[in-house]
Amino acid sequence: MTDLLPAVAGPQDLHDLTDDQLQQVAQEVREHIIDTVGEIGGHFGANLGACEIAVALHSLLDSPRDKILWDVGHQAYPTRS
């Protein structure tokens, strides 16, 4: 299986992916967060729990024109990973 995350330069790149590909991107984002937090420290819970919803929202909305408001900052980490 080829990694998809390196080919995602912005939210618009998610619009044409299949559901299976979006699931794969969410898993790759999760793995990236685990690797990064494992190296430099930080919180896992809120950002790992938000991977699927971040990928889903960005695949459906026209972000950054459509604004996404997170209830805690850590939930936004998958958007910036």
C-alpha atoms as a PDB file:
ATOM      1  CA  MET A   1       0.000   0.000   0.000  1.00  0.00           C
ATOM      2  CA  THR A   2       1.396   3.365  -1.040  1.00  0.00           C
ATOM      3  CA  ASP A   3       1.384   6.213   1.480  1.00  0.00           C
ATOM      4  CA  LEU A   4      -1.108   8.898   0.509  1.00  0.00           C
ATOM      5  CA  LEU A   5      -0.218  11.594   3.029  1.00  0.00           C
ATOM      6  CA  PRO A   6       2.906  12.851   1.188  1.00  0.00           C
ATOM      7  CA  ALA A   7       0.696  13.685  -1.812  1.00  0.00           C
ATOM      8  CA  VAL A   8      -1.685  15.802   0.296  1.00  0.00           C
ATOM      9  CA  ALA A   9      -0.499  19.399   0.024  1.00  0.00           C
ATOM     10  CA  GLY A  10      -3.751  20.925   1.231  1.00  0.00           C
ATOM     11  CA  PRO A  11      -7.393  20.197   2.027  1.00  0.00           C
ATOM     12  CA  GLN A  12      -8.431  20.386  -1.621  1.00  0.00           C
ATOM     13  CA  ASP A  13      -6.341  17.257  -2.301  1.00  0.00           C
ATOM     14  CA  LEU A  14      -8.772  15.237  -0.171  1.00  0.00           C
ATOM     15  CA  HIS A  15     -11.853  16.095  -2.246  1.00  0.00           C
ATOM     16  CA  ASP A  16     -11.369  13.417  -4.903  1.00  0.00           C
ATOM     17  CA  LEU A  17     -10.277  10.557  -2.644  1.00  0.00           C
ATOM     18  CA  THR A  18     -12.439   7.498  -2.046  1.00  0.00           C
ATOM     19  CA  ASP A  19     -13.740   6.610   1.408  1.00  0.00           C
ATOM     20  CA  ASP A  20     -11.053   3.920   1.731  1.00  0.00           C
ATOM     21  CA  GLN A  21      -8.343   6.409   0.769  1.00  0.00           C
ATOM     22  CA  LEU A  22      -9.672   8.956   3.281  1.00  0.00           C
ATOM     23  CA  GLN A  23      -9.539   6.278   5.969  1.00  0.00           C
ATOM     24  CA  GLN A  24      -5.946   5.558   4.988  1.00  0.00           C
ATOM     25  CA  VAL A  25      -5.037   9.256   5.168  1.00  0.00           C
ATOM     26  CA  ALA A  26      -6.577   9.468   8.666  1.00  0.00           C
ATOM     27  CA  GLN A  27      -4.494   6.464   9.755  1.00  0.00           C
ATOM     28  CA  GLU A  28      -1.340   7.980   8.266  1.00  0.00           C
ATOM     29  CA  VAL A  29      -2.031  11.263  10.098  1.00  0.00           C
ATOM     30  CA  ARG A  30      -2.513   9.299  13.332  1.00  0.00           C
ATOM     31  CA  GLU A  31       0.801   7.484  12.823  1.00  0.00           C
ATOM     32  CA  HIS A  32       2.545  10.794  12.092  1.00  0.00           C
ATOM     33  CA  ILE A  33       1.188  12.292  15.323  1.00  0.00           C
ATOM     34  CA  ILE A  34       2.268   9.222  17.333  1.00  0.00           C
ATOM     35  CA  ASP A  35       5.772   9.386  15.847  1.00  0.00           C
ATOM     36  CA  THR A  36       6.071  13.143  16.420  1.00  0.00           C
ATOM     37  CA  VAL A  37       4.688  13.182  19.960  1.00  0.00           C
ATOM     38  CA  GLY A  38       6.813  10.134  20.763  1.00  0.00           C
ATOM     39  CA  GLU A  39       9.911  12.121  19.818  1.00  0.00           C
ATOM     40  CA  ILE A  40       9.161  15.540  21.284  1.00  0.00           C
ATOM     41  CA  GLY A  41       6.446  14.844  23.873  1.00  0.00           C
ATOM     42  CA  GLY A  42       2.920  16.179  24.148  1.00  0.00           C
ATOM     43  CA  HIS A  43      -0.675  15.011  24.359  1.00  0.00           C
ATOM     44  CA  PHE A  44      -2.166  12.139  22.355  1.00  0.00           C
ATOM     45  CA  GLY A  45      -5.845  11.876  23.287  1.00  0.00           C
ATOM     46  CA  ALA A  46      -7.666  14.808  21.718  1.00  0.00           C
ATOM     47  CA  ASN A  47      -5.632  14.887  18.521  1.00  0.00           C
ATOM     48  CA  LEU A  48      -5.731  11.128  17.871  1.00  0.00           C
ATOM     49  CA  GLY A  49      -9.479  11.127  18.448  1.00  0.00           C
ATOM     50  CA  ALA A  50      -9.956  13.873  15.876  1.00  0.00           C
ATOM     51  CA  CYS A  51      -8.089  12.357  12.902  1.00  0.00           C
ATOM     52  CA  GLU A  52     -11.134  10.928  11.121  1.00  0.00           C
ATOM     53  CA  ILE A  53     -13.310  13.971  11.691  1.00  0.00           C
ATOM     54  CA  ALA A  54     -10.539  16.334  10.543  1.00  0.00           C
ATOM     55  CA  VAL A  55     -10.021  14.359   7.333  1.00  0.00           C
ATOM     56  CA  ALA A  56     -13.791  14.087   6.769  1.00  0.00           C
ATOM     57  CA  LEU A  57     -14.426  17.806   7.310  1.00  0.00           C
ATOM     58  CA  HIS A  58     -11.576  18.854   5.032  1.00  0.00           C
ATOM     59  CA  SER A  59     -12.726  16.400   2.348  1.00  0.00           C
ATOM     60  CA  LEU A  60     -16.267  17.834   2.364  1.00  0.00           C
ATOM     61  CA  LEU A  61     -15.766  21.531   3.102  1.00  0.00           C
ATOM     62  CA  ASP A  62     -13.920  24.184   1.141  1.00  0.00           C
ATOM     63  CA  SER A  63     -11.351  24.935   3.816  1.00  0.00           C
ATOM     64  CA  PRO A  64      -9.768  27.282   4.613  1.00  0.00           C
ATOM     65  CA  ARG A  65     -12.609  29.379   3.118  1.00  0.00           C
ATOM     66  CA  ASP A  66     -15.107  27.359   5.180  1.00  0.00           C
ATOM     67  CA  LYS A  67     -13.981  27.776   8.770  1.00  0.00           C
ATOM     68  CA  ILE A  68     -13.701  24.850  11.187  1.00  0.00           C
ATOM     69  CA  LEU A  69     -13.894  25.681  14.867  1.00  0.00           C
ATOM     70  CA  TRP A  70     -12.450  23.109  17.289  1.00  0.00           C
ATOM     71  CA  ASP A  71     -13.431  23.045  20.954  1.00  0.00           C
ATOM     72  CA  VAL A  72      -9.845  22.444  22.123  1.00  0.00           C
ATOM     73  CA  GLY A  73      -6.612  23.300  20.351  1.00  0.00           C
ATOM     74  CA  HIS A  74      -5.263  19.746  20.443  1.00  0.00           C
ATOM     75  CA  GLN A  75      -8.100  18.628  18.157  1.00  0.00           C
ATOM     76  CA  ALA A  76      -6.686  20.857  15.444  1.00  0.00           C
ATOM     77  CA  TYR A  77      -3.323  19.034  15.378  1.00  0.00           C
ATOM     78  CA  PRO A  78      -4.398  16.584  12.628  1.00  0.00           C
ATOM     79  CA  THR A  79      -5.121  19.606  10.436  1.00  0.00           C
ATOM     80  CA  ARG A  80      -1.556  20.863  10.865  1.00  0.00           C
ATOM     81  CA  SER A  81       0.273  17.494  10.772  1.00  0.00           C
END
